């Protein structure tokens, strides 16, 4: 027999408000149409940051990030508050520059993925042969998805 819980509010044991719900790594959610289910924890973004990449870099907002390092023009390292369990996570990035050039983001050629940080390059595609030129972005966004340790 299937059980169902119908409530309007969940509060802490003291009844003073708020909630602290823990979700196990095996928890699933059902799609909007109800046809499929997906692992809740694995599908979440584990680290993200929106920062100013020009001049003195500074995070505007972030999640699970402890620091940013400016390694040079368009070259930034994000350090994670909680490490990934391995270096097989996904890195996504985009940025905007004042004259709306198309930016690509990728791993710095002289580093490898690490579980506790990621060094990446922000560059715009220029020239007829598609040469990339590293550049600082006014707005830089990065997200990391994978399994935390």
Protein backbone atom coordinates (compact mmCIF):
# COMPACT_ATOMS: atom_id res chain seq x y z
CA UNK A 1 0.00 0.00 0.00
CA UNK A 2 1.32 3.44 -0.93
CA UNK A 3 1.51 6.08 1.80
CA UNK A 4 0.93 9.76 1.24
CA UNK A 5 1.65 12.72 3.50
CA UNK A 6 -0.34 15.94 2.97
CA UNK A 7 0.83 18.97 4.95
CA UNK A 8 0.93 22.73 4.51
CA UNK A 9 4.05 23.44 6.56
CA UNK A 10 6.99 21.47 7.95
CA UNK A 11 8.67 23.01 11.01
CA UNK A 12 11.55 21.96 13.25
CA UNK A 13 11.00 19.83 16.38
CA UNK A 14 10.72 22.90 18.62
CA UNK A 15 7.88 24.18 16.45
CA UNK A 16 9.53 27.57 16.10
CA UNK A 17 9.49 27.58 12.31
CA UNK A 18 11.91 26.77 9.59
CA UNK A 19 12.81 23.32 8.40
CA UNK A 20 15.86 21.13 8.13
CA UNK A 21 14.98 18.39 5.67
CA UNK A 22 17.78 15.99 4.75
CA UNK A 23 17.59 14.29 1.38
CA UNK A 24 19.52 11.06 0.79
CA UNK A 25 21.58 10.49 -2.34
CA UNK A 26 18.99 7.93 -3.45
CA UNK A 27 16.08 10.41 -3.38
CA UNK A 28 14.17 10.87 -6.62
CA UNK A 29 11.65 13.29 -8.02
CA UNK A 30 8.97 12.65 -10.61
CA UNK A 31 8.89 14.67 -13.85
CA UNK A 32 6.17 17.24 -14.47
CA UNK A 33 4.30 14.79 -16.68
CA UNK A 34 4.86 11.94 -14.23
CA UNK A 35 6.45 9.67 -16.84
CA UNK A 36 10.03 9.60 -15.53
CA UNK A 37 11.92 9.96 -12.27
CA UNK A 38 15.36 11.46 -11.70
CA UNK A 39 17.90 11.37 -8.87
CA UNK A 40 17.42 14.63 -6.95
CA UNK A 41 20.94 15.02 -5.54
CA UNK A 42 22.85 14.12 -8.71
CA UNK A 43 20.87 16.59 -10.80
CA UNK A 44 21.73 19.65 -8.70
CA UNK A 45 24.35 22.24 -9.56
CA UNK A 46 27.09 21.81 -6.92
CA UNK A 47 29.05 25.06 -7.38
CA UNK A 48 28.27 28.30 -9.21
CA UNK A 49 29.54 31.86 -9.27
CA UNK A 50 28.71 35.16 -10.98
CA UNK A 51 31.66 37.56 -10.79
CA UNK A 52 33.24 40.73 -12.15
CA UNK A 53 36.28 39.60 -14.13
CA UNK A 54 37.67 43.08 -14.91
CA UNK A 55 40.22 44.82 -12.69
CA UNK A 56 39.97 43.51 -9.13
CA UNK A 57 37.79 40.44 -9.54
CA UNK A 58 34.96 39.96 -7.07
CA UNK A 59 32.04 37.56 -6.76
CA UNK A 60 28.61 39.16 -7.04
CA UNK A 61 26.97 35.97 -5.80
CA UNK A 62 28.02 32.35 -5.44
CA UNK A 63 27.25 28.95 -3.99
CA UNK A 64 29.78 26.47 -2.50
CA UNK A 65 32.75 28.63 -3.54
CA UNK A 66 35.48 29.87 -1.19
CA UNK A 67 37.65 32.01 -3.46
CA UNK A 68 38.45 33.31 -6.93
CA UNK A 69 41.98 33.81 -8.23
CA UNK A 70 42.93 36.08 -11.13
CA UNK A 71 45.82 34.30 -12.90
CA UNK A 72 46.03 36.83 -15.74
CA UNK A 73 43.85 38.12 -18.57
CA UNK A 74 40.75 35.93 -18.83
CA UNK A 75 42.37 33.25 -16.64
CA UNK A 76 40.54 32.52 -13.38
CA UNK A 77 40.58 29.78 -10.73
CA UNK A 78 37.47 28.92 -8.73
CA UNK A 79 38.11 27.16 -5.40
CA UNK A 80 35.28 25.03 -4.06
CA UNK A 81 34.11 24.95 -0.44
CA UNK A 82 33.25 21.25 -0.75
CA UNK A 83 35.38 19.08 -3.03
CA UNK A 84 34.08 16.86 -5.80
CA UNK A 85 34.53 13.11 -5.31
CA UNK A 86 36.59 12.92 -8.53
CA UNK A 87 37.78 15.13 -11.37
CA UNK A 88 35.04 13.98 -13.78
CA UNK A 89 32.65 16.87 -13.12
CA UNK A 90 31.22 19.22 -15.74
CA UNK A 91 32.31 22.85 -16.08
CA UNK A 92 30.05 25.38 -17.83
CA UNK A 93 30.88 29.01 -18.36
CA UNK A 94 29.86 32.14 -20.17
CA UNK A 95 30.78 35.77 -19.99
CA UNK A 96 29.86 39.12 -21.41
CA UNK A 97 32.20 41.84 -22.52
CA UNK A 98 31.32 45.45 -23.26
CA UNK A 99 31.19 45.06 -27.04
CA UNK A 100 29.26 41.75 -27.02
CA UNK A 101 31.95 39.48 -28.41
CA UNK A 102 31.26 35.76 -28.35
CA UNK A 103 33.15 34.21 -25.45
CA UNK A 104 34.18 30.61 -25.04
CA UNK A 105 35.23 29.04 -21.76
CA UNK A 106 37.55 26.14 -21.30
CA UNK A 107 40.15 24.59 -19.11
CA UNK A 108 43.51 26.31 -18.94
CA UNK A 109 45.93 24.32 -21.12
CA UNK A 110 48.57 24.09 -18.39
CA UNK A 111 46.36 22.59 -15.66
CA UNK A 112 44.18 19.55 -15.11
CA UNK A 113 40.82 19.25 -13.39
CA UNK A 114 41.21 19.05 -9.62
CA UNK A 115 38.60 17.97 -7.09
CA UNK A 116 38.88 21.18 -5.05
CA UNK A 117 39.28 23.87 -7.72
CA UNK A 118 39.18 24.54 -11.43
CA UNK A 119 41.29 26.90 -13.53
CA UNK A 120 39.58 28.09 -16.68
CA UNK A 121 40.07 30.55 -19.50
CA UNK A 122 37.58 33.08 -20.85
CA UNK A 123 38.30 34.03 -24.46
CA UNK A 124 36.56 35.51 -27.47
CA UNK A 125 36.77 33.98 -30.90
CA UNK A 126 38.40 36.32 -33.40
CA UNK A 127 39.93 36.20 -36.83
CA UNK A 128 39.09 34.20 -39.92
CA UNK A 129 40.82 31.08 -38.61
CA UNK A 130 38.92 31.14 -35.30
CA UNK A 131 41.83 32.24 -33.13
CA UNK A 132 40.94 32.67 -29.48
CA UNK A 133 42.07 35.72 -27.53
CA UNK A 134 41.90 35.54 -23.73
CA UNK A 135 39.92 38.44 -22.33
CA UNK A 136 38.47 39.56 -19.02
CA UNK A 137 34.68 39.60 -18.82
CA UNK A 138 32.50 42.25 -17.23
CA UNK A 139 30.13 39.50 -16.12
CA UNK A 140 31.54 35.97 -15.80
CA UNK A 141 29.29 33.03 -14.91
CA UNK A 142 30.56 29.55 -14.07
CA UNK A 143 28.75 26.41 -12.93
CA UNK A 144 30.07 22.99 -11.93
CA UNK A 145 28.05 19.77 -11.87
CA UNK A 146 29.11 16.38 -10.56
CA UNK A 147 29.32 14.26 -7.42
CA UNK A 148 30.58 15.84 -4.21
CA UNK A 149 32.95 13.91 -1.97
